[in-house]
Amino acid sequence: MKRMAVLPLLLSLAAWPALTVSADEAGAEPTDAKALEGVETGRVVFDLNNSDPEGLALYLMVIRETHEDFTDQGVEPDIILTFRGHAVTMVSEDRERFELTEFDHLDAVEEHLEALREKGVRMEACSVATRLFDVDHGELLPGIEPVRNTFVSLTGYQAQGYAVIPIY
């Protein structure tokens, strides 16, 4: 009788590892298929308001991967980067305000922006922020266009159906 009571317990314990196997462990590559169902274009604006070059470089690397992930999953990426706040200082050719130890990260920022620009990603910098942080529009990195106010442009992009993703 005791053996009969133990049998269901043993069977459930034997099945337990199979019930907890993730998609990665099962060999399946994760996808965003459910979220992208019926989506033809990935319309997204990244609202970049970072305060340090290392963090900005990291996020730009992830944004490059995001562009690739859209493409790999059959969705046409339509990506815009908006720089505001202190982030406008990191997308300028003027490096006077930075420590030498930050130059490698600023180089990575430039590299990521160039690669994203080549993929057709649009970029803009807030003129309110460039005024407040004393960034000359002529010193913005190639491909970054000044706009009057990114709060206004972010509102407009959201009204046009873009997802707005804040990066701080």
C-alpha atoms as a PDB file:
ATOM      1  CA  MET A   1       0.000   0.000   0.000  1.00  0.00           C
ATOM      2  CA  LYS A   2       2.849   2.358   0.860  1.00  0.00           C
ATOM      3  CA  ARG A   3       4.435   1.662  -2.535  1.00  0.00           C
ATOM      4  CA  MET A   4       1.235   2.787  -4.268  1.00  0.00           C
ATOM      5  CA  ALA A   5       1.269   6.076  -2.348  1.00  0.00           C
ATOM      6  CA  VAL A   6       4.918   6.721  -3.227  1.00  0.00           C
ATOM      7  CA  LEU A   7       4.483   5.984  -6.952  1.00  0.00           C
ATOM      8  CA  PRO A   8       2.597   9.220  -7.817  1.00  0.00           C
ATOM      9  CA  LEU A   9       5.181  11.217  -5.885  1.00  0.00           C
ATOM     10  CA  LEU A  10       8.054   9.586  -7.782  1.00  0.00           C
ATOM     11  CA  LEU A  11       6.332  10.116 -11.122  1.00  0.00           C
ATOM     12  CA  SER A  12       5.730  13.794 -10.402  1.00  0.00           C
ATOM     13  CA  LEU A  13       9.342  14.261  -9.289  1.00  0.00           C
ATOM     14  CA  ALA A  14      10.567  12.541 -12.452  1.00  0.00           C
ATOM     15  CA  ALA A  15       8.492  14.925 -14.585  1.00  0.00           C
ATOM     16  CA  TRP A  16       9.500  18.054 -12.653  1.00  0.00           C
ATOM     17  CA  PRO A  17      12.721  18.870 -14.611  1.00  0.00           C
ATOM     18  CA  ALA A  18      10.840  18.598 -17.918  1.00  0.00           C
ATOM     19  CA  LEU A  19       8.239  21.068 -16.689  1.00  0.00           C
ATOM     20  CA  THR A  20      10.869  23.655 -15.737  1.00  0.00           C
ATOM     21  CA  VAL A  21      12.939  23.598 -18.941  1.00  0.00           C
ATOM     22  CA  SER A  22      13.133  27.037 -20.530  1.00  0.00           C
ATOM     23  CA  ALA A  23      13.104  27.751 -24.248  1.00  0.00           C
ATOM     24  CA  ASP A  24      16.888  28.230 -24.133  1.00  0.00           C
ATOM     25  CA  GLU A  25      17.457  24.870 -22.447  1.00  0.00           C
ATOM     26  CA  ALA A  26      15.130  23.157 -24.893  1.00  0.00           C
ATOM     27  CA  GLY A  27      17.253  24.493 -27.763  1.00  0.00           C
ATOM     28  CA  ALA A  28      14.657  26.955 -29.086  1.00  0.00           C
ATOM     29  CA  GLU A  29      15.821  30.481 -29.821  1.00  0.00           C
ATOM     30  CA  PRO A  30      13.720  33.139 -28.034  1.00  0.00           C
ATOM     31  CA  THR A  31      11.611  35.357 -30.290  1.00  0.00           C
ATOM     32  CA  ASP A  32       9.276  38.296 -30.025  1.00  0.00           C
ATOM     33  CA  ALA A  33       6.703  36.601 -32.282  1.00  0.00           C
ATOM     34  CA  LYS A  34       3.706  37.266 -30.036  1.00  0.00           C
ATOM     35  CA  ALA A  35       4.513  40.954 -29.621  1.00  0.00           C
ATOM     36  CA  LEU A  36       5.269  41.397 -33.323  1.00  0.00           C
ATOM     37  CA  GLU A  37       2.197  39.562 -34.606  1.00  0.00           C
ATOM     38  CA  GLY A  38       0.756  41.670 -37.429  1.00  0.00           C
ATOM     39  CA  VAL A  39       3.507  44.305 -37.089  1.00  0.00           C
ATOM     40  CA  GLU A  40       5.198  45.277 -40.340  1.00  0.00           C
ATOM     41  CA  THR A  41       7.136  48.325 -39.117  1.00  0.00           C
ATOM     42  CA  GLY A  42       8.822  48.831 -35.741  1.00  0.00           C
ATOM     43  CA  ARG A  43       8.259  52.547 -35.124  1.00  0.00           C
ATOM     44  CA  VAL A  44      10.256  53.581 -32.073  1.00  0.00           C
ATOM     45  CA  VAL A  45      11.828  56.733 -30.678  1.00  0.00           C
ATOM     46  CA  PHE A  46      14.559  56.359 -28.104  1.00  0.00           C
ATOM     47  CA  ASP A  47      14.517  59.358 -25.740  1.00  0.00           C
ATOM     48  CA  LEU A  48      18.190  59.521 -24.722  1.00  0.00           C
ATOM     49  CA  ASN A  49      18.924  61.610 -21.650  1.00  0.00           C
ATOM     50  CA  ASN A  50      22.031  59.872 -20.303  1.00  0.00           C
ATOM     51  CA  SER A  51      24.546  61.557 -18.071  1.00  0.00           C
ATOM     52  CA  ASP A  52      27.652  59.466 -18.696  1.00  0.00           C
ATOM     53  CA  PRO A  53      29.453  58.371 -21.883  1.00  0.00           C
ATOM     54  CA  GLU A  54      29.870  54.744 -20.795  1.00  0.00           C
ATOM     55  CA  GLY A  55      26.123  54.342 -20.241  1.00  0.00           C
ATOM     56  CA  LEU A  56      25.276  56.045 -23.533  1.00  0.00           C
ATOM     57  CA  ALA A  57      27.695  53.794 -25.422  1.00  0.00           C
ATOM     58  CA  LEU A  58      26.113  50.719 -23.828  1.00  0.00           C
ATOM     59  CA  TYR A  59      22.573  51.769 -24.736  1.00  0.00           C
ATOM     60  CA  LEU A  60      23.567  52.648 -28.299  1.00  0.00           C
ATOM     61  CA  MET A  61      25.036  49.153 -28.639  1.00  0.00           C
ATOM     62  CA  VAL A  62      21.707  47.689 -27.475  1.00  0.00           C
ATOM     63  CA  ILE A  63      19.808  49.958 -29.889  1.00  0.00           C
ATOM     64  CA  ARG A  64      21.966  48.605 -32.733  1.00  0.00           C
ATOM     65  CA  GLU A  65      21.032  45.104 -31.605  1.00  0.00           C
ATOM     66  CA  THR A  66      17.367  46.147 -31.460  1.00  0.00           C
ATOM     67  CA  HIS A  67      17.551  47.320 -35.082  1.00  0.00           C
ATOM     68  CA  GLU A  68      19.034  43.958 -36.024  1.00  0.00           C
ATOM     69  CA  ASP A  69      16.404  42.066 -33.988  1.00  0.00           C
ATOM     70  CA  PHE A  70      13.590  43.843 -35.828  1.00  0.00           C
ATOM     71  CA  THR A  71      15.152  42.969 -39.188  1.00  0.00           C
ATOM     72  CA  ASP A  72      15.885  39.355 -38.213  1.00  0.00           C
ATOM     73  CA  GLN A  73      12.241  38.900 -37.192  1.00  0.00           C
ATOM     74  CA  GLY A  74      10.831  40.312 -40.440  1.00  0.00           C
ATOM     75  CA  VAL A  75       9.914  43.775 -39.148  1.00  0.00           C
ATOM     76  CA  GLU A  76      11.118  46.937 -40.914  1.00  0.00           C
ATOM     77  CA  PRO A  77      12.795  49.150 -38.273  1.00  0.00           C
ATOM     78  CA  ASP A  78      11.832  52.839 -38.249  1.00  0.00           C
ATOM     79  CA  ILE A  79      13.994  54.189 -35.450  1.00  0.00           C
ATOM     80  CA  ILE A  80      14.624  57.743 -34.270  1.00  0.00           C
ATOM     81  CA  LEU A  81      17.111  58.801 -31.599  1.00  0.00           C
ATOM     82  CA  THR A  82      16.430  61.997 -29.686  1.00  0.00           C
ATOM     83  CA  PHE A  83      19.168  63.439 -27.494  1.00  0.00           C
ATOM     84  CA  ARG A  84      18.278  65.830 -24.715  1.00  0.00           C
ATOM     85  CA  GLY A  85      19.627  66.981 -21.391  1.00  0.00           C
ATOM     86  CA  HIS A  86      23.265  66.192 -20.689  1.00  0.00           C
ATOM     87  CA  ALA A  87      23.283  63.629 -23.531  1.00  0.00           C
ATOM     88  CA  VAL A  88      23.685  66.448 -26.084  1.00  0.00           C
ATOM     89  CA  THR A  89      27.200  67.038 -24.771  1.00  0.00           C
ATOM     90  CA  MET A  90      28.176  63.474 -25.696  1.00  0.00           C
ATOM     91  CA  VAL A  91      27.071  63.802 -29.326  1.00  0.00           C
ATOM     92  CA  SER A  92      29.261  66.813 -29.985  1.00  0.00           C
ATOM     93  CA  GLU A  93      32.738  66.974 -31.451  1.00  0.00           C
ATOM     94  CA  ASP A  94      33.722  69.205 -28.511  1.00  0.00           C
ATOM     95  CA  ARG A  95      35.296  67.005 -25.830  1.00  0.00           C
ATOM     96  CA  GLU A  96      36.707  69.774 -23.633  1.00  0.00           C
ATOM     97  CA  ARG A  97      34.260  69.048 -20.801  1.00  0.00           C
ATOM     98  CA  PHE A  98      35.190  65.348 -20.552  1.00  0.00           C
ATOM     99  CA  GLU A  99      38.004  63.536 -18.774  1.00  0.00           C
ATOM    100  CA  LEU A 100      40.559  61.692 -20.903  1.00  0.00           C
ATOM    101  CA  THR A 101      39.359  58.444 -19.314  1.00  0.00           C
ATOM    102  CA  GLU A 102      35.958  58.994 -20.973  1.00  0.00           C
ATOM    103  CA  PHE A 103      37.306  59.384 -24.516  1.00  0.00           C
ATOM    104  CA  ASP A 104      37.154  55.641 -25.268  1.00  0.00           C
ATOM    105  CA  HIS A 105      33.438  55.683 -24.423  1.00  0.00           C
ATOM    106  CA  LEU A 106      32.901  58.793 -26.545  1.00  0.00           C
ATOM    107  CA  ASP A 107      34.688  57.015 -29.413  1.00  0.00           C
ATOM    108  CA  ALA A 108      32.289  54.080 -28.969  1.00  0.00           C
ATOM    109  CA  VAL A 109      29.328  56.504 -29.003  1.00  0.00           C
ATOM    110  CA  GLU A 110      30.558  57.912 -32.330  1.00  0.00           C
ATOM    111  CA  GLU A 111      31.066  54.422 -33.769  1.00  0.00           C
ATOM    112  CA  HIS A 112      27.574  53.294 -32.788  1.00  0.00           C
ATOM    113  CA  LEU A 113      25.992  56.470 -34.147  1.00  0.00           C
ATOM    114  CA  GLU A 114      27.805  56.090 -37.471  1.00  0.00           C
ATOM    115  CA  ALA A 115      26.633  52.471 -37.800  1.00  0.00           C
ATOM    116  CA  LEU A 116      23.052  53.443 -36.915  1.00  0.00           C
ATOM    117  CA  ARG A 117      23.102  56.378 -39.344  1.00  0.00           C
ATOM    118  CA  GLU A 118      24.254  54.006 -42.101  1.00  0.00           C
ATOM    119  CA  LYS A 119      21.189  51.850 -41.339  1.00  0.00           C
ATOM    120  CA  GLY A 120      18.894  54.844 -41.830  1.00  0.00           C
ATOM    121  CA  VAL A 121      18.266  55.689 -38.182  1.00  0.00           C
ATOM    122  CA  ARG A 122      17.279  59.359 -37.802  1.00  0.00           C
ATOM    123  CA  MET A 123      18.815  61.427 -34.999  1.00  0.00           C
ATOM    124  CA  GLU A 124      18.004  64.761 -33.446  1.00  0.00           C
ATOM    125  CA  ALA A 125      19.278  66.947 -30.611  1.00  0.00           C
ATOM    126  CA  CYS A 126      17.185  69.247 -28.459  1.00  0.00           C
ATOM    127  CA  SER A 127      18.002  72.920 -28.978  1.00  0.00           C
ATOM    128  CA  VAL A 128      16.832  73.707 -25.464  1.00  0.00           C
ATOM    129  CA  ALA A 129      19.487  71.304 -24.136  1.00  0.00           C
ATOM    130  CA  THR A 130      22.179  72.510 -26.526  1.00  0.00           C
ATOM    131  CA  ARG A 131      21.542  76.067 -25.298  1.00  0.00           C
ATOM    132  CA  LEU A 132      21.565  75.049 -21.622  1.00  0.00           C
ATOM    133  CA  PHE A 133      24.727  72.932 -21.977  1.00  0.00           C
ATOM    134  CA  ASP A 134      26.455  75.340 -24.385  1.00  0.00           C
ATOM    135  CA  VAL A 135      26.734  72.896 -27.310  1.00  0.00           C
ATOM    136  CA  ASP A 136      27.219  74.516 -30.711  1.00  0.00           C
ATOM    137  CA  HIS A 137      24.914  73.037 -33.372  1.00  0.00           C
ATOM    138  CA  GLY A 138      27.820  73.085 -35.824  1.00  0.00           C
ATOM    139  CA  GLU A 139      29.712  70.679 -33.552  1.00  0.00           C
ATOM    140  CA  LEU A 140      26.993  68.022 -33.388  1.00  0.00           C
ATOM    141  CA  LEU A 141      28.182  64.705 -34.787  1.00  0.00           C
ATOM    142  CA  PRO A 142      27.284  63.944 -38.418  1.00  0.00           C
ATOM    143  CA  GLY A 143      23.650  63.006 -38.941  1.00  0.00           C
ATOM    144  CA  ILE A 144      22.330  64.655 -35.775  1.00  0.00           C
ATOM    145  CA  GLU A 145      19.897  67.432 -36.589  1.00  0.00           C
ATOM    146  CA  PRO A 146      18.922  70.091 -34.055  1.00  0.00           C
ATOM    147  CA  VAL A 147      15.196  70.414 -33.339  1.00  0.00           C
ATOM    148  CA  ARG A 148      13.538  73.201 -31.431  1.00  0.00           C
ATOM    149  CA  ASN A 149      12.387  71.125 -28.453  1.00  0.00           C
ATOM    150  CA  THR A 150      12.482  67.330 -28.086  1.00  0.00           C
ATOM    151  CA  PHE A 151       9.525  67.425 -25.680  1.00  0.00           C
ATOM    152  CA  VAL A 152       7.521  68.713 -28.641  1.00  0.00           C
ATOM    153  CA  SER A 153       9.026  66.285 -31.155  1.00  0.00           C
ATOM    154  CA  LEU A 154       8.544  63.319 -28.795  1.00  0.00           C
ATOM    155  CA  THR A 155       4.891  64.322 -28.432  1.00  0.00           C
ATOM    156  CA  GLY A 156       4.548  64.493 -32.208  1.00  0.00           C
ATOM    157  CA  TYR A 157       6.231  61.133 -32.792  1.00  0.00           C
ATOM    158  CA  GLN A 158       4.026  59.474 -30.182  1.00  0.00           C
ATOM    159  CA  ALA A 159       0.930  60.965 -31.849  1.00  0.00           C
ATOM    160  CA  GLN A 160       2.193  59.458 -35.133  1.00  0.00           C
ATOM    161  CA  GLY A 161       2.248  55.997 -33.565  1.00  0.00           C
ATOM    162  CA  TYR A 162       5.871  55.682 -32.509  1.00  0.00           C
ATOM    163  CA  ALA A 163       6.648  53.908 -29.255  1.00  0.00           C
ATOM    164  CA  VAL A 164       8.687  56.199 -27.020  1.00  0.00           C
ATOM    165  CA  ILE A 165      11.346  54.442 -24.956  1.00  0.00           C
ATOM    166  CA  PRO A 166      13.066  56.579 -22.326  1.00  0.00           C
ATOM    167  CA  ILE A 167      16.764  55.931 -21.712  1.00  0.00           C
ATOM    168  CA  TYR A 168      18.117  57.766 -18.635  1.00  0.00           C
END
